[in-house]
N, C-alpha and C. Protein backbone atom coordinates (compact mmCIF):
# COMPACT_ATOMS: atom_id res chain seq x y z
N MET A 1 139.86 148.05 43.10
CA MET A 1 141.04 148.89 43.02
C MET A 1 142.27 148.06 43.44
N VAL A 2 143.33 148.20 42.71
CA VAL A 2 144.57 147.49 42.98
C VAL A 2 145.22 148.05 44.25
N GLU A 3 145.65 147.14 45.12
CA GLU A 3 146.43 147.55 46.29
C GLU A 3 147.90 147.35 45.98
N ILE A 4 148.70 148.32 46.37
CA ILE A 4 150.15 148.22 46.22
C ILE A 4 150.77 148.25 47.61
N TRP A 5 151.61 147.25 47.86
CA TRP A 5 152.37 147.16 49.10
C TRP A 5 153.84 147.14 48.76
N ILE A 6 154.65 147.54 49.70
CA ILE A 6 156.10 147.59 49.54
C ILE A 6 156.73 146.57 50.47
N LEU A 7 157.78 145.93 50.00
CA LEU A 7 158.60 145.09 50.86
C LEU A 7 159.99 145.68 50.86
N ARG A 8 160.38 146.27 51.99
CA ARG A 8 161.71 146.86 52.17
C ARG A 8 162.60 145.80 52.80
N LEU A 9 163.60 145.36 52.06
CA LEU A 9 164.48 144.30 52.53
C LEU A 9 165.62 144.83 53.38
N SER A 10 165.98 144.07 54.40
CA SER A 10 167.24 144.23 55.15
C SER A 10 167.44 145.61 55.78
N HIS A 11 166.40 146.13 56.43
CA HIS A 11 166.53 147.40 57.15
C HIS A 11 167.58 147.27 58.24
N ARG A 12 168.49 148.23 58.28
CA ARG A 12 169.52 148.29 59.31
C ARG A 12 169.35 149.61 60.06
N ILE A 13 169.02 149.52 61.33
CA ILE A 13 168.71 150.73 62.11
C ILE A 13 169.84 151.75 62.04
N ALA A 14 171.06 151.30 62.26
CA ALA A 14 172.19 152.24 62.30
C ALA A 14 172.45 152.92 60.96
N ARG A 15 172.12 152.26 59.89
CA ARG A 15 172.46 152.80 58.57
C ARG A 15 171.26 153.28 57.75
N ASP A 16 170.10 152.64 57.91
CA ASP A 16 168.98 152.85 56.99
C ASP A 16 167.77 153.57 57.58
N ALA A 17 167.85 154.06 58.80
CA ALA A 17 166.65 154.62 59.44
C ALA A 17 165.98 155.69 58.59
N ARG A 18 166.74 156.64 58.09
CA ARG A 18 166.13 157.71 57.28
C ARG A 18 165.64 157.20 55.93
N ILE A 19 166.42 156.34 55.29
CA ILE A 19 166.02 155.84 53.96
C ILE A 19 164.76 155.00 54.06
N THR A 20 164.69 154.10 55.03
CA THR A 20 163.49 153.27 55.17
C THR A 20 162.29 154.13 55.52
N THR A 21 162.49 155.13 56.36
CA THR A 21 161.40 156.07 56.66
C THR A 21 160.94 156.76 55.38
N HIS A 22 161.88 157.17 54.54
CA HIS A 22 161.52 157.84 53.29
C HIS A 22 160.84 156.89 52.31
N VAL A 23 161.23 155.62 52.30
CA VAL A 23 160.53 154.64 51.47
C VAL A 23 159.06 154.59 51.91
N ALA A 24 158.82 154.52 53.21
CA ALA A 24 157.45 154.49 53.72
C ALA A 24 156.69 155.78 53.40
N LEU A 25 157.34 156.92 53.61
CA LEU A 25 156.67 158.21 53.34
C LEU A 25 156.30 158.36 51.87
N VAL A 26 157.23 158.02 50.99
CA VAL A 26 156.94 158.10 49.55
C VAL A 26 155.86 157.11 49.18
N GLY A 27 155.97 155.89 49.70
CA GLY A 27 154.94 154.90 49.42
C GLY A 27 153.56 155.40 49.81
N ARG A 28 153.42 155.92 51.01
CA ARG A 28 152.14 156.43 51.49
C ARG A 28 151.65 157.60 50.63
N ALA A 29 152.51 158.59 50.45
CA ALA A 29 152.11 159.80 49.72
C ALA A 29 151.78 159.51 48.26
N PHE A 30 152.39 158.48 47.69
CA PHE A 30 152.20 158.18 46.28
C PHE A 30 151.24 157.02 46.03
N GLY A 31 150.47 156.62 47.05
CA GLY A 31 149.35 155.72 46.81
C GLY A 31 149.50 154.27 47.24
N ALA A 32 150.60 153.87 47.86
CA ALA A 32 150.72 152.49 48.35
C ALA A 32 149.86 152.34 49.61
N HIS A 33 149.49 151.11 49.91
CA HIS A 33 148.64 150.83 51.05
C HIS A 33 149.41 150.48 52.31
N GLY A 34 150.66 150.04 52.14
CA GLY A 34 151.42 149.67 53.31
C GLY A 34 152.81 149.19 52.95
N MET A 35 153.60 148.89 53.99
CA MET A 35 154.96 148.44 53.79
C MET A 35 155.30 147.36 54.80
N TYR A 36 155.82 146.25 54.30
CA TYR A 36 156.48 145.25 55.13
C TYR A 36 157.96 145.63 55.14
N TYR A 37 158.65 145.30 56.22
CA TYR A 37 160.09 145.48 56.22
C TYR A 37 160.73 144.35 57.00
N SER A 38 161.96 144.03 56.61
CA SER A 38 162.71 142.97 57.28
C SER A 38 164.04 143.54 57.74
N GLY A 39 164.83 142.69 58.37
CA GLY A 39 166.11 143.13 58.93
C GLY A 39 165.94 143.44 60.39
N ASP A 40 166.43 144.60 60.82
CA ASP A 40 166.30 145.01 62.21
C ASP A 40 164.88 145.50 62.49
N ARG A 41 164.27 145.00 63.55
CA ARG A 41 162.98 145.53 63.99
C ARG A 41 163.20 146.94 64.50
N ASP A 42 162.38 147.88 64.06
CA ASP A 42 162.58 149.29 64.39
C ASP A 42 161.26 149.90 64.84
N VAL A 43 161.01 149.86 66.15
CA VAL A 43 159.76 150.38 66.67
C VAL A 43 159.66 151.89 66.50
N ASP A 44 160.79 152.59 66.46
CA ASP A 44 160.76 154.04 66.21
C ASP A 44 160.24 154.33 64.80
N LEU A 45 160.71 153.57 63.82
CA LEU A 45 160.22 153.71 62.45
C LEU A 45 158.71 153.48 62.42
N GLU A 46 158.26 152.40 63.01
CA GLU A 46 156.83 152.07 63.02
C GLU A 46 156.02 153.20 63.66
N SER A 47 156.51 153.71 64.78
CA SER A 47 155.83 154.79 65.49
C SER A 47 155.77 156.07 64.65
N LYS A 48 156.89 156.43 64.01
CA LYS A 48 156.93 157.64 63.17
C LYS A 48 155.90 157.56 62.04
N ILE A 49 155.83 156.41 61.39
CA ILE A 49 154.90 156.29 60.26
C ILE A 49 153.46 156.28 60.76
N ARG A 50 153.19 155.62 61.86
CA ARG A 50 151.83 155.65 62.42
C ARG A 50 151.42 157.08 62.78
N LYS A 51 152.37 157.86 63.30
CA LYS A 51 152.09 159.26 63.65
C LYS A 51 151.79 160.09 62.39
N VAL A 52 152.54 159.84 61.32
CA VAL A 52 152.26 160.53 60.05
C VAL A 52 150.84 160.21 59.58
N VAL A 53 150.46 158.93 59.62
CA VAL A 53 149.12 158.53 59.20
C VAL A 53 148.06 159.15 60.10
N GLU A 54 148.32 159.17 61.40
CA GLU A 54 147.38 159.77 62.34
C GLU A 54 147.16 161.25 62.03
N ASN A 55 148.23 161.98 61.73
CA ASN A 55 148.12 163.42 61.49
C ASN A 55 147.72 163.77 60.06
N TRP A 56 148.25 163.04 59.08
CA TRP A 56 148.06 163.40 57.68
C TRP A 56 147.01 162.55 56.97
N GLY A 57 146.46 161.55 57.67
CA GLY A 57 145.36 160.76 57.14
C GLY A 57 145.79 159.56 56.33
N GLY A 58 144.79 158.85 55.86
CA GLY A 58 145.02 157.67 55.05
C GLY A 58 145.03 156.39 55.87
N GLN A 59 145.37 155.30 55.20
CA GLN A 59 145.30 153.97 55.80
C GLN A 59 146.62 153.22 55.75
N PHE A 60 147.72 153.84 55.51
CA PHE A 60 149.01 153.19 55.31
C PHE A 60 149.43 152.42 56.58
N GLU A 61 149.88 151.18 56.39
CA GLU A 61 150.32 150.33 57.49
C GLU A 61 151.80 149.98 57.33
N VAL A 62 152.47 149.76 58.46
CA VAL A 62 153.86 149.29 58.46
C VAL A 62 153.92 148.03 59.30
N MET A 63 154.46 146.96 58.70
CA MET A 63 154.53 145.68 59.39
C MET A 63 155.92 145.07 59.26
N TYR A 64 156.44 144.61 60.36
CA TYR A 64 157.74 143.94 60.39
C TYR A 64 157.55 142.46 60.05
N THR A 65 158.51 141.89 59.31
CA THR A 65 158.51 140.46 59.04
C THR A 65 159.91 139.89 59.25
N VAL A 66 159.96 138.72 59.86
CA VAL A 66 161.25 138.03 60.01
C VAL A 66 161.53 137.17 58.78
N SER A 67 160.51 136.99 57.92
CA SER A 67 160.67 136.13 56.75
C SER A 67 160.16 136.82 55.49
N PRO A 68 160.97 137.70 54.92
CA PRO A 68 160.52 138.40 53.71
C PRO A 68 160.26 137.45 52.54
N LEU A 69 160.99 136.36 52.45
CA LEU A 69 160.72 135.40 51.37
C LEU A 69 159.33 134.80 51.50
N SER A 70 158.89 134.57 52.73
CA SER A 70 157.53 134.06 52.95
C SER A 70 156.48 135.08 52.50
N VAL A 71 156.77 136.36 52.75
CA VAL A 71 155.85 137.41 52.29
C VAL A 71 155.72 137.35 50.77
N VAL A 72 156.84 137.24 50.08
CA VAL A 72 156.84 137.19 48.62
C VAL A 72 156.09 135.96 48.13
N LYS A 73 156.39 134.81 48.70
CA LYS A 73 155.74 133.56 48.26
C LYS A 73 154.23 133.60 48.49
N SER A 74 153.80 134.11 49.62
CA SER A 74 152.35 134.19 49.87
C SER A 74 151.70 135.26 48.99
N TRP A 75 152.45 136.32 48.69
CA TRP A 75 151.90 137.39 47.84
C TRP A 75 151.61 136.88 46.44
N LYS A 76 152.41 135.96 45.94
CA LYS A 76 152.24 135.46 44.58
C LYS A 76 150.88 134.77 44.41
N LYS A 77 150.24 134.35 45.50
CA LYS A 77 148.89 133.78 45.44
C LYS A 77 147.84 134.89 45.31
N ARG A 78 148.21 136.09 45.72
CA ARG A 78 147.29 137.23 45.77
C ARG A 78 147.42 138.15 44.55
N GLY A 79 148.66 138.30 44.08
CA GLY A 79 148.89 139.27 43.02
C GLY A 79 150.24 139.08 42.37
N ILE A 80 150.84 140.18 41.95
CA ILE A 80 152.14 140.10 41.27
C ILE A 80 153.23 140.74 42.13
N VAL A 81 154.46 140.30 41.86
CA VAL A 81 155.62 140.78 42.60
C VAL A 81 156.54 141.51 41.64
N ILE A 82 156.86 142.74 42.00
CA ILE A 82 157.75 143.57 41.20
C ILE A 82 158.97 143.89 42.04
N HIS A 83 160.13 143.66 41.47
CA HIS A 83 161.39 143.97 42.15
C HIS A 83 162.02 145.14 41.42
N LEU A 84 162.24 146.24 42.13
CA LEU A 84 162.90 147.40 41.54
C LEU A 84 164.40 147.23 41.69
N THR A 85 165.09 147.14 40.55
CA THR A 85 166.52 146.88 40.53
C THR A 85 167.13 147.54 39.31
N MET A 86 168.35 148.01 39.42
CA MET A 86 168.99 148.62 38.25
C MET A 86 169.35 147.58 37.19
N TYR A 87 169.19 146.30 37.51
CA TYR A 87 169.52 145.23 36.56
C TYR A 87 168.32 144.78 35.73
N GLY A 88 167.15 145.35 35.99
CA GLY A 88 165.93 144.88 35.34
C GLY A 88 165.67 145.51 33.99
N ILE A 89 164.46 145.26 33.51
CA ILE A 89 163.97 145.80 32.24
C ILE A 89 163.46 147.22 32.50
N ASN A 90 163.70 148.12 31.56
CA ASN A 90 163.30 149.51 31.73
C ASN A 90 161.80 149.62 31.98
N ILE A 91 161.44 150.43 32.95
CA ILE A 91 160.05 150.59 33.35
C ILE A 91 159.13 150.95 32.18
N ASP A 92 159.61 151.78 31.27
CA ASP A 92 158.76 152.19 30.15
C ASP A 92 158.40 151.03 29.22
N ASP A 93 159.19 149.95 29.27
CA ASP A 93 158.92 148.80 28.41
C ASP A 93 157.88 147.85 29.00
N VAL A 94 157.52 148.02 30.30
CA VAL A 94 156.59 147.07 30.92
C VAL A 94 155.45 147.71 31.73
N ILE A 95 155.48 149.00 31.95
CA ILE A 95 154.50 149.61 32.85
C ILE A 95 153.07 149.46 32.35
N ASP A 96 152.83 149.57 31.05
CA ASP A 96 151.46 149.39 30.53
C ASP A 96 150.97 147.97 30.78
N LYS A 97 151.82 147.01 30.57
CA LYS A 97 151.46 145.60 30.81
C LYS A 97 151.11 145.39 32.29
N ILE A 98 151.90 145.96 33.19
CA ILE A 98 151.64 145.83 34.62
C ILE A 98 150.31 146.48 34.99
N ARG A 99 150.07 147.66 34.47
CA ARG A 99 148.82 148.37 34.76
C ARG A 99 147.61 147.56 34.32
N ASN A 100 147.74 146.81 33.25
CA ASN A 100 146.62 146.04 32.70
C ASN A 100 146.40 144.69 33.37
N ILE A 101 147.27 144.28 34.27
CA ILE A 101 147.11 142.99 34.93
C ILE A 101 145.98 143.02 35.96
N SER A 102 145.73 144.14 36.59
CA SER A 102 144.63 144.33 37.54
C SER A 102 144.69 143.37 38.73
N LYS A 103 145.88 143.15 39.25
CA LYS A 103 146.05 142.38 40.48
C LYS A 103 146.83 143.23 41.46
N ASP A 104 146.69 142.89 42.75
CA ASP A 104 147.46 143.60 43.76
C ASP A 104 148.95 143.42 43.50
N ILE A 105 149.74 144.40 43.94
CA ILE A 105 151.17 144.43 43.62
C ILE A 105 151.99 144.54 44.90
N LEU A 106 153.04 143.74 44.95
CA LEU A 106 154.06 143.87 45.99
C LEU A 106 155.31 144.39 45.30
N VAL A 107 155.82 145.53 45.75
CA VAL A 107 157.01 146.14 45.17
C VAL A 107 158.17 145.92 46.15
N ILE A 108 159.20 145.22 45.69
CA ILE A 108 160.37 144.95 46.52
C ILE A 108 161.43 146.01 46.27
N VAL A 109 161.92 146.60 47.37
CA VAL A 109 163.07 147.49 47.30
C VAL A 109 164.10 147.00 48.32
N GLY A 110 165.34 146.96 47.92
CA GLY A 110 166.40 146.44 48.77
C GLY A 110 167.09 147.52 49.55
N SER A 111 168.12 147.11 50.27
CA SER A 111 169.04 148.05 50.92
C SER A 111 170.45 147.55 50.65
N GLU A 112 170.81 146.42 51.24
CA GLU A 112 172.09 145.81 50.89
C GLU A 112 171.87 144.89 49.69
N LYS A 113 172.87 144.14 49.30
CA LYS A 113 172.77 143.27 48.13
C LYS A 113 171.55 142.34 48.26
N VAL A 114 170.70 142.35 47.24
CA VAL A 114 169.48 141.56 47.25
C VAL A 114 169.80 140.13 46.83
N PRO A 115 169.39 139.14 47.63
CA PRO A 115 169.64 137.74 47.27
C PRO A 115 168.95 137.34 45.96
N ARG A 116 169.56 136.43 45.24
CA ARG A 116 169.10 135.96 43.93
C ARG A 116 167.64 135.48 43.96
N ALA A 117 167.21 134.91 45.07
CA ALA A 117 165.84 134.37 45.16
C ALA A 117 164.78 135.42 44.82
N TYR A 118 165.02 136.67 45.19
CA TYR A 118 164.03 137.72 44.91
C TYR A 118 163.93 138.01 43.42
N PHE A 119 165.06 137.97 42.72
CA PHE A 119 165.05 138.14 41.27
C PHE A 119 164.24 137.02 40.63
N GLU A 120 164.42 135.80 41.13
CA GLU A 120 163.76 134.64 40.55
C GLU A 120 162.28 134.60 40.87
N LEU A 121 161.88 135.02 42.06
CA LEU A 121 160.47 135.00 42.44
C LEU A 121 159.67 136.15 41.85
N ALA A 122 160.34 137.24 41.54
CA ALA A 122 159.62 138.41 41.00
C ALA A 122 159.00 138.09 39.65
N ASP A 123 157.81 138.61 39.45
CA ASP A 123 157.17 138.50 38.14
C ASP A 123 157.81 139.48 37.16
N PHE A 124 158.29 140.61 37.70
CA PHE A 124 158.97 141.61 36.90
C PHE A 124 160.15 142.17 37.69
N ASN A 125 161.32 142.18 37.09
CA ASN A 125 162.48 142.89 37.63
C ASN A 125 162.58 144.16 36.80
N ILE A 126 162.30 145.28 37.42
CA ILE A 126 162.15 146.55 36.71
C ILE A 126 163.27 147.50 37.09
N ALA A 127 163.83 148.14 36.07
CA ALA A 127 164.88 149.15 36.28
C ALA A 127 164.32 150.54 36.05
N ILE A 128 164.69 151.43 36.94
CA ILE A 128 164.45 152.86 36.73
C ILE A 128 165.82 153.38 36.30
N GLY A 129 166.17 153.05 35.08
CA GLY A 129 167.51 153.32 34.59
C GLY A 129 168.44 152.21 35.05
N ASN A 130 169.58 152.09 34.42
CA ASN A 130 170.52 151.01 34.73
C ASN A 130 171.80 151.55 35.35
N GLN A 131 171.65 152.55 36.19
CA GLN A 131 172.76 153.14 36.93
C GLN A 131 172.44 153.07 38.42
N PRO A 132 173.45 153.11 39.28
CA PRO A 132 173.17 153.15 40.72
C PRO A 132 172.29 154.36 41.06
N HIS A 133 171.29 154.13 41.88
CA HIS A 133 170.40 155.21 42.29
C HIS A 133 169.71 154.83 43.59
N SER A 134 168.90 155.71 44.10
CA SER A 134 168.21 155.54 45.37
C SER A 134 166.95 154.70 45.20
N GLU A 135 166.72 153.81 46.17
CA GLU A 135 165.48 153.04 46.18
C GLU A 135 164.28 153.94 46.42
N VAL A 136 164.46 155.06 47.09
CA VAL A 136 163.37 156.01 47.30
C VAL A 136 162.96 156.61 45.96
N ALA A 137 163.93 157.03 45.18
CA ALA A 137 163.64 157.59 43.85
C ALA A 137 163.00 156.54 42.95
N ALA A 138 163.52 155.32 42.99
CA ALA A 138 162.96 154.25 42.16
C ALA A 138 161.50 154.00 42.51
N LEU A 139 161.20 153.94 43.79
CA LEU A 139 159.81 153.71 44.22
C LEU A 139 158.91 154.86 43.76
N ALA A 140 159.37 156.09 43.95
CA ALA A 140 158.56 157.25 43.54
C ALA A 140 158.28 157.22 42.04
N ILE A 141 159.28 156.92 41.26
CA ILE A 141 159.08 156.89 39.80
C ILE A 141 158.16 155.74 39.42
N PHE A 142 158.35 154.57 40.03
CA PHE A 142 157.46 153.45 39.72
C PHE A 142 156.01 153.82 40.02
N LEU A 143 155.74 154.33 41.22
CA LEU A 143 154.37 154.67 41.59
C LEU A 143 153.80 155.77 40.70
N ASP A 144 154.62 156.75 40.37
CA ASP A 144 154.16 157.82 39.49
C ASP A 144 153.80 157.29 38.10
N ARG A 145 154.63 156.44 37.55
CA ARG A 145 154.33 155.86 36.23
C ARG A 145 153.11 154.95 36.32
N PHE A 146 152.99 154.17 37.39
CA PHE A 146 151.85 153.26 37.52
C PHE A 146 150.55 154.05 37.59
N PHE A 147 150.51 155.09 38.41
CA PHE A 147 149.29 155.87 38.60
C PHE A 147 149.15 157.02 37.60
N MET A 148 150.10 157.16 36.72
CA MET A 148 150.08 158.18 35.65
C MET A 148 149.89 159.59 36.22
N GLY A 149 150.54 159.88 37.34
CA GLY A 149 150.50 161.20 37.93
C GLY A 149 149.29 161.49 38.81
N GLU A 150 148.29 160.63 38.79
CA GLU A 150 147.07 160.88 39.58
C GLU A 150 147.33 160.82 41.08
N GLU A 151 148.39 160.12 41.50
CA GLU A 151 148.69 160.01 42.93
C GLU A 151 149.06 161.35 43.53
N LEU A 152 149.43 162.31 42.70
CA LEU A 152 149.81 163.62 43.20
C LEU A 152 148.61 164.44 43.67
N ARG A 153 147.41 163.95 43.38
CA ARG A 153 146.18 164.64 43.77
C ARG A 153 145.35 163.82 44.77
N LEU A 154 145.99 162.84 45.41
CA LEU A 154 145.27 162.02 46.38
C LEU A 154 144.74 162.87 47.54
N LYS A 155 143.57 162.51 48.01
CA LYS A 155 142.97 163.12 49.21
C LYS A 155 142.99 162.05 50.29
N PHE A 156 143.53 162.35 51.44
CA PHE A 156 143.67 161.39 52.52
C PHE A 156 142.59 161.62 53.57
N GLU A 157 141.77 160.58 53.78
CA GLU A 157 140.69 160.67 54.75
C GLU A 157 141.24 160.77 56.17
N ASN A 158 140.46 161.41 57.04
CA ASN A 158 140.77 161.52 58.47
C ASN A 158 142.04 162.32 58.76
N ALA A 159 142.42 163.19 57.87
CA ALA A 159 143.62 164.01 58.09
C ALA A 159 143.35 165.10 59.13
N LYS A 160 144.29 165.25 60.05
CA LYS A 160 144.25 166.34 61.01
C LYS A 160 145.00 167.55 60.48
N ILE A 161 145.91 167.32 59.54
CA ILE A 161 146.70 168.40 58.94
C ILE A 161 146.55 168.32 57.42
N LYS A 162 146.25 169.45 56.83
CA LYS A 162 146.16 169.53 55.37
C LYS A 162 146.88 170.79 54.89
N ILE A 163 147.53 170.66 53.76
CA ILE A 163 148.17 171.80 53.12
C ILE A 163 147.21 172.35 52.08
N ILE A 164 147.03 173.65 52.08
CA ILE A 164 146.26 174.32 51.04
C ILE A 164 147.29 174.87 50.05
N PRO A 165 147.27 174.37 48.82
CA PRO A 165 148.29 174.83 47.85
C PRO A 165 148.26 176.35 47.68
N SER A 166 149.43 176.94 47.66
CA SER A 166 149.57 178.38 47.54
C SER A 166 150.87 178.69 46.81
N GLU A 167 150.81 179.69 45.97
CA GLU A 167 151.99 180.06 45.19
C GLU A 167 153.07 180.73 46.02
N LYS A 168 152.68 181.46 47.08
CA LYS A 168 153.67 182.29 47.78
C LYS A 168 153.71 182.13 49.30
N GLU A 169 152.82 181.34 49.87
CA GLU A 169 152.83 181.25 51.32
C GLU A 169 152.49 179.83 51.79
N LYS A 170 152.75 179.58 53.07
CA LYS A 170 152.42 178.28 53.66
C LYS A 170 151.02 178.37 54.25
N LYS A 171 150.09 177.58 53.71
CA LYS A 171 148.73 177.53 54.24
C LYS A 171 148.48 176.13 54.77
N VAL A 172 148.27 176.04 56.08
CA VAL A 172 148.07 174.77 56.73
C VAL A 172 146.76 174.84 57.52
N VAL A 173 145.95 173.79 57.37
CA VAL A 173 144.71 173.67 58.13
C VAL A 173 144.92 172.54 59.13
N ARG A 174 144.65 172.83 60.41
CA ARG A 174 144.82 171.82 61.47
C ARG A 174 143.48 171.55 62.14
N LYS A 175 143.18 170.27 62.28
CA LYS A 175 141.94 169.87 62.97
C LYS A 175 142.32 169.08 64.21
N GLY A 176 141.61 169.30 65.28
CA GLY A 176 141.77 168.47 66.47
C GLY A 176 143.01 168.73 67.31
N PHE A 177 143.64 169.88 67.13
CA PHE A 177 144.81 170.20 67.95
C PHE A 177 144.48 171.25 68.97
């Protein structure tokens, strides 16, 4: 099974705390295995995501890196690197090709201006449209297209909290509380 990891570039605690948290939450909920992040080290972010995994299950990891370029360079030995950018090729023109490669994937999402090196190192620079938009939305759309909607039915092992789908009410099952 292909593993998908996220590399969130240039996290800034004062400005990006909610967005980077949402990148991690979307990544986890939509089938990624973990997230590296660079910029400001944020132990609160790491703690929040670990708590989500503890309560909602799964194996998602969050790791800080001081050298995101090193992560990308080492990843290229393991799998492919995808950079989500509004300057790239439309996702619909390459998603089938990516799905058929059958290698682990590192998905790069930026915050501030992404240095040219990431465009050059990426195997694919992919656009979710060519207009300014959220990296959270771009990641969600990429993962949804990659998994063809199957990620919406993921079952997370070791969950202490589960939602039971219901048309009109909130049904929550809690274990171990």
